[in-house]
Amino acid sequence: LVNAPIFVSTLAILYLYLVAKGTISLSRWLTGGTVPAPQPHIGFWSLLGHTTYLFITLASVSLFMTLIVFMLASAPQSQVMTASEEMMNWDEVVFGVPLPFLLNSKFINYPSIDRFLVSCYSYLSMIVLVLVVSLFLFDKQLFRKFSFSFFLVVALSAPIWYIFPAISPGDMYHENIFKIDNNQFAQAPIGPAVRDFSASLKGVWNNTEKQYFAIATFPSMHVAWAVLILYFGLLLWRPLGFFLLPWAITNAVSAVYILQHYGVDVLSGILAAYLTIVITNFLFRLENRYYSGSGVYKIIDVVQEDVKALLRHGQEFIRKQNP
């Protein structure tokens, strides 16, 4: 809900841009090219075809990713319980403590840190959106790579989710949705912001009556996507690292702190992101070696040229106002 206005505004701007561009192209097509066209120009049918292909591609992959998650959500309850218990056991083996509840005990008396960590976790989608728009406007190849890797990491993680269908430590232990006896964490103290956040998700991702569970825990996509954002953000503009690196680290801590992930989910999320980056770069090197076409995303080139032209006009206007 926090990010909905930004998302809708972005779509509205893109829609208005495409309508304006399409109107100019359609006018030239109907008049046989007599209507002057600003540069860069793209034909109406070419604009329609390239734009349609771009949105169909992204929509198809998004639908495929959603279907994967929903299919995995039907894992048997006994398997979900076993996998969740294994994740907590692994946390104690790797870190020596039940990490999610240890972090809460450390920061529960610091309300500002409590709220900050919850906010950091919640704003991932907004940061993804900002990066996607920036890549779309300024670097076509990085946009394609990031879009591909964003969905590839889900495909790589899906088999692991199937083998280890664990739910979050918050639902498994603190909310105790399976009514486990002798659950030592059911009454564990948690921060007020974490408590409010957990309440907002209650019954949304996990429902024992309808038997569907949010098992995309190990590895953590919040962490994997944050690593991808950091990597492609640095490739786009290195100074972004001053913001993205601290944010990525804090995002990983917050994923565990707000009881949405185990500590081992963070480690596996980093590994999943690393493998995704390696595979993405390898596949795009193959594309550069064996594919010599002009590509199907010409609309991105047109948008980028329009943005550059807009920036040039803006600079010229500023210079004229300040001779």
Protein backbone atom coordinates (compact mmCIF):
# COMPACT_ATOMS: atom_id res chain seq x y z
CA LEU A 1 0.00 0.00 0.00
CA VAL A 2 2.88 2.37 0.76
CA ASN A 3 4.36 1.90 -2.72
CA ALA A 4 1.08 1.78 -4.67
CA PRO A 5 0.93 5.55 -5.49
CA ILE A 6 4.50 5.50 -6.83
CA PHE A 7 3.83 2.39 -8.91
CA VAL A 8 0.57 3.79 -10.33
CA SER A 9 2.20 7.16 -11.07
CA THR A 10 5.02 5.45 -12.96
CA LEU A 11 2.56 3.46 -15.06
CA ALA A 12 0.53 6.61 -15.73
CA ILE A 13 3.61 8.52 -16.95
CA LEU A 14 4.64 5.62 -19.18
CA TYR A 15 1.09 5.36 -20.53
CA LEU A 16 0.90 9.07 -21.36
CA TYR A 17 4.32 8.92 -23.02
CA LEU A 18 3.31 5.96 -25.20
CA VAL A 19 0.01 7.63 -26.11
CA ALA A 20 1.83 10.80 -27.19
CA LYS A 21 4.41 8.84 -29.12
CA GLY A 22 1.76 6.65 -30.70
CA THR A 23 -0.34 9.67 -31.68
CA ILE A 24 2.58 11.27 -33.51
CA SER A 25 3.46 8.01 -35.27
CA LEU A 26 -0.17 7.31 -36.20
CA SER A 27 -0.58 10.85 -37.58
CA ARG A 28 2.45 10.42 -39.81
CA TRP A 29 1.20 7.03 -40.99
CA LEU A 30 -2.29 8.37 -41.80
CA THR A 31 -0.94 11.42 -43.64
CA GLY A 32 1.74 9.54 -45.51
CA GLY A 33 4.57 11.11 -43.54
CA THR A 34 3.65 14.76 -44.11
CA VAL A 35 3.27 15.56 -40.40
CA PRO A 36 6.64 16.66 -38.92
CA ALA A 37 8.00 14.20 -36.40
CA PRO A 38 10.38 15.06 -33.57
CA GLN A 39 13.56 13.03 -33.33
CA PRO A 40 14.00 10.25 -32.42
CA HIS A 41 11.10 8.87 -34.45
CA ILE A 42 9.64 5.37 -34.65
CA GLY A 43 6.89 4.18 -37.02
CA PHE A 44 3.44 3.52 -35.59
CA TRP A 45 3.36 -0.20 -36.31
CA SER A 46 6.94 -0.61 -35.13
CA LEU A 47 6.10 1.26 -31.92
CA LEU A 48 3.02 -0.88 -31.36
CA GLY A 49 4.85 -4.12 -32.10
CA HIS A 50 7.91 -3.46 -29.94
CA THR A 51 5.87 -2.13 -27.01
CA THR A 52 3.47 -5.06 -27.16
CA TYR A 53 6.32 -7.56 -27.28
CA LEU A 54 8.02 -5.95 -24.28
CA PHE A 55 4.89 -6.02 -22.11
CA ILE A 56 3.89 -9.52 -23.20
CA THR A 57 7.36 -10.79 -22.31
CA LEU A 58 7.34 -9.24 -18.84
CA ALA A 59 3.72 -10.26 -18.18
CA SER A 60 4.34 -13.87 -19.29
CA VAL A 61 7.39 -14.27 -17.08
CA SER A 62 5.59 -12.65 -14.14
CA LEU A 63 2.65 -15.02 -14.59
CA PHE A 64 5.01 -18.00 -14.75
CA MET A 65 6.75 -16.90 -11.56
CA THR A 66 3.40 -16.43 -9.79
CA LEU A 67 2.22 -19.88 -10.87
CA ILE A 68 5.41 -21.43 -9.48
CA VAL A 69 4.84 -19.84 -6.09
CA PHE A 70 1.17 -20.84 -5.95
CA MET A 71 1.93 -24.43 -6.96
CA LEU A 72 4.58 -24.71 -4.25
CA ALA A 73 2.21 -23.16 -1.70
CA SER A 74 0.20 -26.40 -1.69
CA ALA A 75 2.99 -28.35 0.07
CA PRO A 76 1.74 -30.82 2.74
CA GLN A 77 1.53 -29.36 6.24
CA SER A 78 3.75 -32.06 7.74
CA GLN A 79 6.49 -31.29 5.21
CA VAL A 80 6.20 -27.55 5.89
CA MET A 81 6.55 -28.12 9.64
CA THR A 82 9.57 -30.39 9.20
CA ALA A 83 11.35 -27.99 6.86
CA SER A 84 10.68 -25.01 9.15
CA GLU A 85 12.08 -26.88 12.14
CA GLU A 86 15.17 -27.77 10.09
CA MET A 87 15.75 -24.10 9.24
CA MET A 88 15.73 -23.14 12.91
CA ASN A 89 18.04 -26.05 13.73
CA TRP A 90 20.41 -24.94 10.98
CA ASP A 91 20.39 -21.42 12.42
CA GLU A 92 21.47 -22.78 15.79
CA VAL A 93 24.19 -24.89 14.15
CA VAL A 94 25.57 -22.09 11.95
CA PHE A 95 25.11 -19.11 14.29
CA GLY A 96 24.93 -20.90 17.63
CA VAL A 97 21.61 -19.20 18.46
CA PRO A 98 18.02 -18.91 17.12
CA LEU A 99 19.01 -15.78 15.21
CA PRO A 100 15.57 -14.19 14.49
CA PHE A 101 14.58 -14.10 18.16
CA LEU A 102 18.07 -13.12 19.31
CA LEU A 103 17.98 -10.01 17.10
CA ASN A 104 14.58 -9.07 18.50
CA SER A 105 15.84 -9.37 22.04
CA LYS A 106 18.73 -7.04 21.17
CA PHE A 107 16.70 -4.25 19.56
CA ILE A 108 13.31 -4.49 21.28
CA ASN A 109 14.20 -1.57 23.58
CA TYR A 110 15.19 0.68 20.68
CA PRO A 111 11.92 1.81 18.99
CA SER A 112 13.68 3.87 16.32
CA ILE A 113 15.79 0.90 15.19
CA ASP A 114 12.73 -1.32 15.37
CA ARG A 115 10.75 0.96 13.03
CA PHE A 116 13.74 1.55 10.76
CA LEU A 117 14.34 -2.17 10.17
CA VAL A 118 10.68 -2.81 9.37
CA SER A 119 10.66 0.13 6.94
CA CYS A 120 13.84 -1.07 5.27
CA TYR A 121 12.27 -4.45 4.58
CA SER A 122 9.01 -2.92 3.36
CA TYR A 123 10.58 -0.58 0.80
CA LEU A 124 12.23 -3.24 -1.36
CA SER A 125 9.56 -3.00 -4.06
CA MET A 126 9.99 0.78 -4.32
CA ILE A 127 13.76 0.47 -4.72
CA VAL A 128 13.27 -2.22 -7.37
CA LEU A 129 10.92 0.09 -9.23
CA VAL A 130 13.32 3.04 -9.10
CA LEU A 131 16.20 0.90 -10.39
CA VAL A 132 14.11 -0.65 -13.17
CA VAL A 133 13.01 2.79 -14.38
CA SER A 134 16.59 4.10 -14.20
CA LEU A 135 17.96 1.15 -16.16
CA PHE A 136 15.13 1.42 -18.66
CA LEU A 137 15.92 5.09 -19.26
CA PHE A 138 19.70 5.00 -19.30
CA ASP A 139 21.07 1.52 -20.09
CA LYS A 140 19.16 -0.89 -22.29
CA GLN A 141 21.56 -3.81 -21.83
CA LEU A 142 21.59 -3.53 -18.04
CA PHE A 143 17.79 -3.28 -18.07
CA ARG A 144 17.58 -6.53 -20.00
CA LYS A 145 20.11 -8.23 -17.73
CA PHE A 146 18.42 -7.12 -14.53
CA SER A 147 14.96 -8.12 -15.76
CA PHE A 148 16.27 -11.53 -16.77
CA SER A 149 18.17 -12.10 -13.52
CA PHE A 150 15.22 -10.90 -11.39
CA PHE A 151 13.13 -13.80 -12.66
CA LEU A 152 16.00 -16.26 -13.09
CA VAL A 153 16.80 -16.22 -9.37
CA VAL A 154 13.20 -17.28 -8.68
CA ALA A 155 13.48 -20.15 -11.16
CA LEU A 156 16.76 -21.28 -9.57
CA SER A 157 15.26 -21.12 -6.07
CA ALA A 158 11.98 -22.92 -6.88
CA PRO A 159 13.45 -26.47 -6.66
CA ILE A 160 14.93 -25.63 -3.24
CA TRP A 161 11.57 -24.30 -2.05
CA TYR A 162 10.05 -27.58 -3.20
CA ILE A 163 12.58 -29.64 -1.23
CA PHE A 164 12.58 -27.37 1.84
CA PRO A 165 9.10 -25.74 1.99
CA ALA A 166 9.79 -23.74 5.13
CA ILE A 167 7.58 -20.87 6.32
CA SER A 168 8.80 -17.82 8.21
CA PRO A 169 9.94 -18.12 11.84
CA GLY A 170 7.27 -15.57 12.73
CA ASP A 171 4.43 -17.79 11.51
CA MET A 172 6.04 -21.05 12.53
CA TYR A 173 7.07 -20.12 16.04
CA HIS A 174 5.79 -16.77 17.25
CA GLU A 175 2.31 -16.99 15.69
CA ASN A 176 2.50 -20.78 16.18
CA ILE A 177 0.01 -21.39 13.35
CA PHE A 178 0.42 -25.17 13.70
CA LYS A 179 -0.27 -25.09 17.45
CA ILE A 180 3.01 -26.78 18.36
CA ASP A 181 3.24 -27.90 21.99
CA ASN A 182 6.14 -26.68 24.11
CA ASN A 183 6.94 -23.90 21.64
CA GLN A 184 9.58 -21.87 23.48
CA PHE A 185 9.30 -18.93 21.07
CA ALA A 186 5.52 -18.42 21.14
CA GLN A 187 5.81 -15.89 23.96
CA ALA A 188 9.18 -14.46 22.96
CA PRO A 189 9.25 -10.64 23.11
CA ILE A 190 9.33 -8.85 19.75
CA GLY A 191 9.51 -5.20 18.80
CA PRO A 192 6.25 -3.21 18.50
CA ALA A 193 6.84 -2.42 14.81
CA VAL A 194 7.54 -6.10 14.13
CA ARG A 195 4.34 -7.01 15.99
CA ASP A 196 2.30 -4.58 13.88
CA PHE A 197 3.92 -5.79 10.67
CA SER A 198 3.21 -9.44 11.56
CA ALA A 199 -0.40 -8.57 12.37
CA SER A 200 -0.83 -7.01 8.93
CA LEU A 201 0.26 -10.29 7.31
CA LYS A 202 -1.77 -12.60 9.53
CA GLY A 203 -3.74 -15.02 7.39
CA VAL A 204 -2.51 -13.45 4.14
CA TRP A 205 0.45 -15.67 3.25
CA ASN A 206 -0.32 -18.73 5.39
CA ASN A 207 -3.70 -20.33 5.98
CA THR A 208 -3.88 -23.66 7.78
CA GLU A 209 -7.58 -24.10 7.02
CA LYS A 210 -7.16 -23.69 3.26
CA GLN A 211 -3.78 -25.46 3.38
CA TYR A 212 -1.64 -22.96 1.53
CA PHE A 213 1.66 -21.71 2.85
CA ALA A 214 4.25 -19.09 1.90
CA ILE A 215 7.18 -21.48 1.55
CA ALA A 216 9.50 -19.15 -0.42
CA THR A 217 11.73 -18.70 2.61
CA PHE A 218 14.95 -20.62 1.91
CA PRO A 219 16.61 -18.97 0.03
CA SER A 220 15.35 -15.44 0.71
CA MET A 221 14.26 -13.49 -2.36
CA HIS A 222 14.37 -10.27 -0.35
CA VAL A 223 18.09 -10.81 0.12
CA ALA A 224 18.75 -12.19 -3.37
CA TRP A 225 16.97 -9.29 -5.06
CA ALA A 226 18.81 -6.81 -2.83
CA VAL A 227 22.15 -8.27 -3.97
CA LEU A 228 21.03 -8.00 -7.61
CA ILE A 229 19.96 -4.39 -7.03
CA LEU A 230 23.36 -3.62 -5.52
CA TYR A 231 25.23 -5.29 -8.39
CA PHE A 232 23.31 -3.65 -11.25
CA GLY A 233 23.10 -0.34 -9.41
CA LEU A 234 26.90 -0.26 -9.21
CA LEU A 235 27.16 -1.09 -12.91
CA LEU A 236 24.76 1.74 -13.73
CA TRP A 237 26.48 4.37 -11.56
CA ARG A 238 29.15 3.50 -9.01
CA PRO A 239 28.29 6.29 -6.52
CA LEU A 240 24.98 4.50 -5.94
CA GLY A 241 26.99 2.06 -3.86
CA PHE A 242 27.17 4.60 -1.03
CA PHE A 243 23.42 4.12 -0.62
CA LEU A 244 22.81 0.62 -1.95
CA LEU A 245 25.51 -1.23 0.01
CA PRO A 246 24.33 -0.08 3.48
CA TRP A 247 20.73 -0.64 2.39
CA ALA A 248 21.43 -4.20 1.16
CA ILE A 249 23.14 -5.09 4.45
CA THR A 250 20.34 -3.55 6.50
CA ASN A 251 17.75 -5.28 4.33
CA ALA A 252 19.35 -8.65 5.09
CA VAL A 253 19.36 -7.93 8.82
CA SER A 254 15.77 -6.70 8.73
CA ALA A 255 14.58 -9.84 6.91
CA VAL A 256 15.68 -11.87 9.92
CA TYR A 257 14.75 -9.27 12.53
CA ILE A 258 11.10 -9.00 11.50
CA LEU A 259 10.81 -12.82 11.64
CA GLN A 260 10.27 -13.29 7.91
CA HIS A 261 13.46 -15.27 7.41
CA TYR A 262 15.98 -17.45 9.20
CA GLY A 263 19.66 -16.58 9.25
CA VAL A 264 20.48 -19.37 6.79
CA ASP A 265 17.95 -17.87 4.37
CA VAL A 266 20.18 -14.81 4.11
CA LEU A 267 23.27 -16.87 3.30
CA SER A 268 21.42 -18.94 0.72
CA GLY A 269 19.89 -15.78 -0.77
CA ILE A 270 23.35 -14.30 -1.31
CA LEU A 271 24.51 -17.55 -2.95
CA ALA A 272 21.42 -17.66 -5.18
CA ALA A 273 22.08 -14.08 -6.31
CA TYR A 274 25.74 -14.86 -7.04
CA LEU A 275 24.84 -17.89 -9.17
CA THR A 276 22.20 -15.83 -10.97
CA ILE A 277 24.72 -13.12 -11.83
CA VAL A 278 27.21 -15.69 -13.14
CA ILE A 279 24.59 -17.45 -15.29
CA THR A 280 23.14 -14.16 -16.57
CA ASN A 281 26.53 -12.83 -17.66
CA PHE A 282 27.38 -16.16 -19.31
CA LEU A 283 24.12 -16.27 -21.30
CA PHE A 284 24.45 -12.67 -22.43
CA ARG A 285 28.02 -13.33 -23.56
CA LEU A 286 26.67 -16.18 -25.67
CA GLU A 287 24.06 -13.83 -27.09
CA ASN A 288 26.71 -11.29 -28.05
CA ARG A 289 28.78 -14.00 -29.69
CA TYR A 290 26.08 -15.78 -31.71
CA TYR A 291 23.32 -13.19 -32.21
CA SER A 292 23.93 -10.21 -34.50
CA GLY A 293 20.37 -8.88 -34.88
CA SER A 294 19.26 -5.41 -33.86
CA GLY A 295 17.08 -6.74 -31.06
CA VAL A 296 13.37 -6.58 -30.34
CA TYR A 297 13.42 -3.85 -27.67
CA LYS A 298 13.77 -0.87 -30.00
CA ILE A 299 11.22 1.03 -27.91
CA ILE A 300 13.81 1.21 -25.11
CA ASP A 301 16.28 2.93 -27.45
CA VAL A 302 13.60 5.44 -28.43
CA VAL A 303 12.69 6.22 -24.81
CA GLN A 304 16.35 6.65 -23.88
CA GLU A 305 16.92 9.08 -26.77
CA ASP A 306 13.83 11.06 -25.77
CA VAL A 307 15.09 11.30 -22.18
CA LYS A 308 18.52 12.47 -23.37
CA ALA A 309 16.86 15.08 -25.59
CA LEU A 310 14.71 16.25 -22.66
CA LEU A 311 17.79 16.58 -20.45
CA ARG A 312 19.59 18.58 -23.15
CA HIS A 313 16.65 20.97 -23.50
CA GLY A 314 16.52 21.32 -19.71
CA GLN A 315 20.22 22.20 -19.56
CA GLU A 316 19.85 24.73 -22.37
CA PHE A 317 16.88 26.34 -20.61
CA ILE A 318 18.85 26.63 -17.36
CA ARG A 319 21.81 28.19 -19.18
CA LYS A 320 19.54 30.77 -20.81
CA GLN A 321 18.02 31.66 -17.45
CA ASN A 322 21.47 32.00 -15.88
CA PRO A 323 23.75 33.59 -18.52
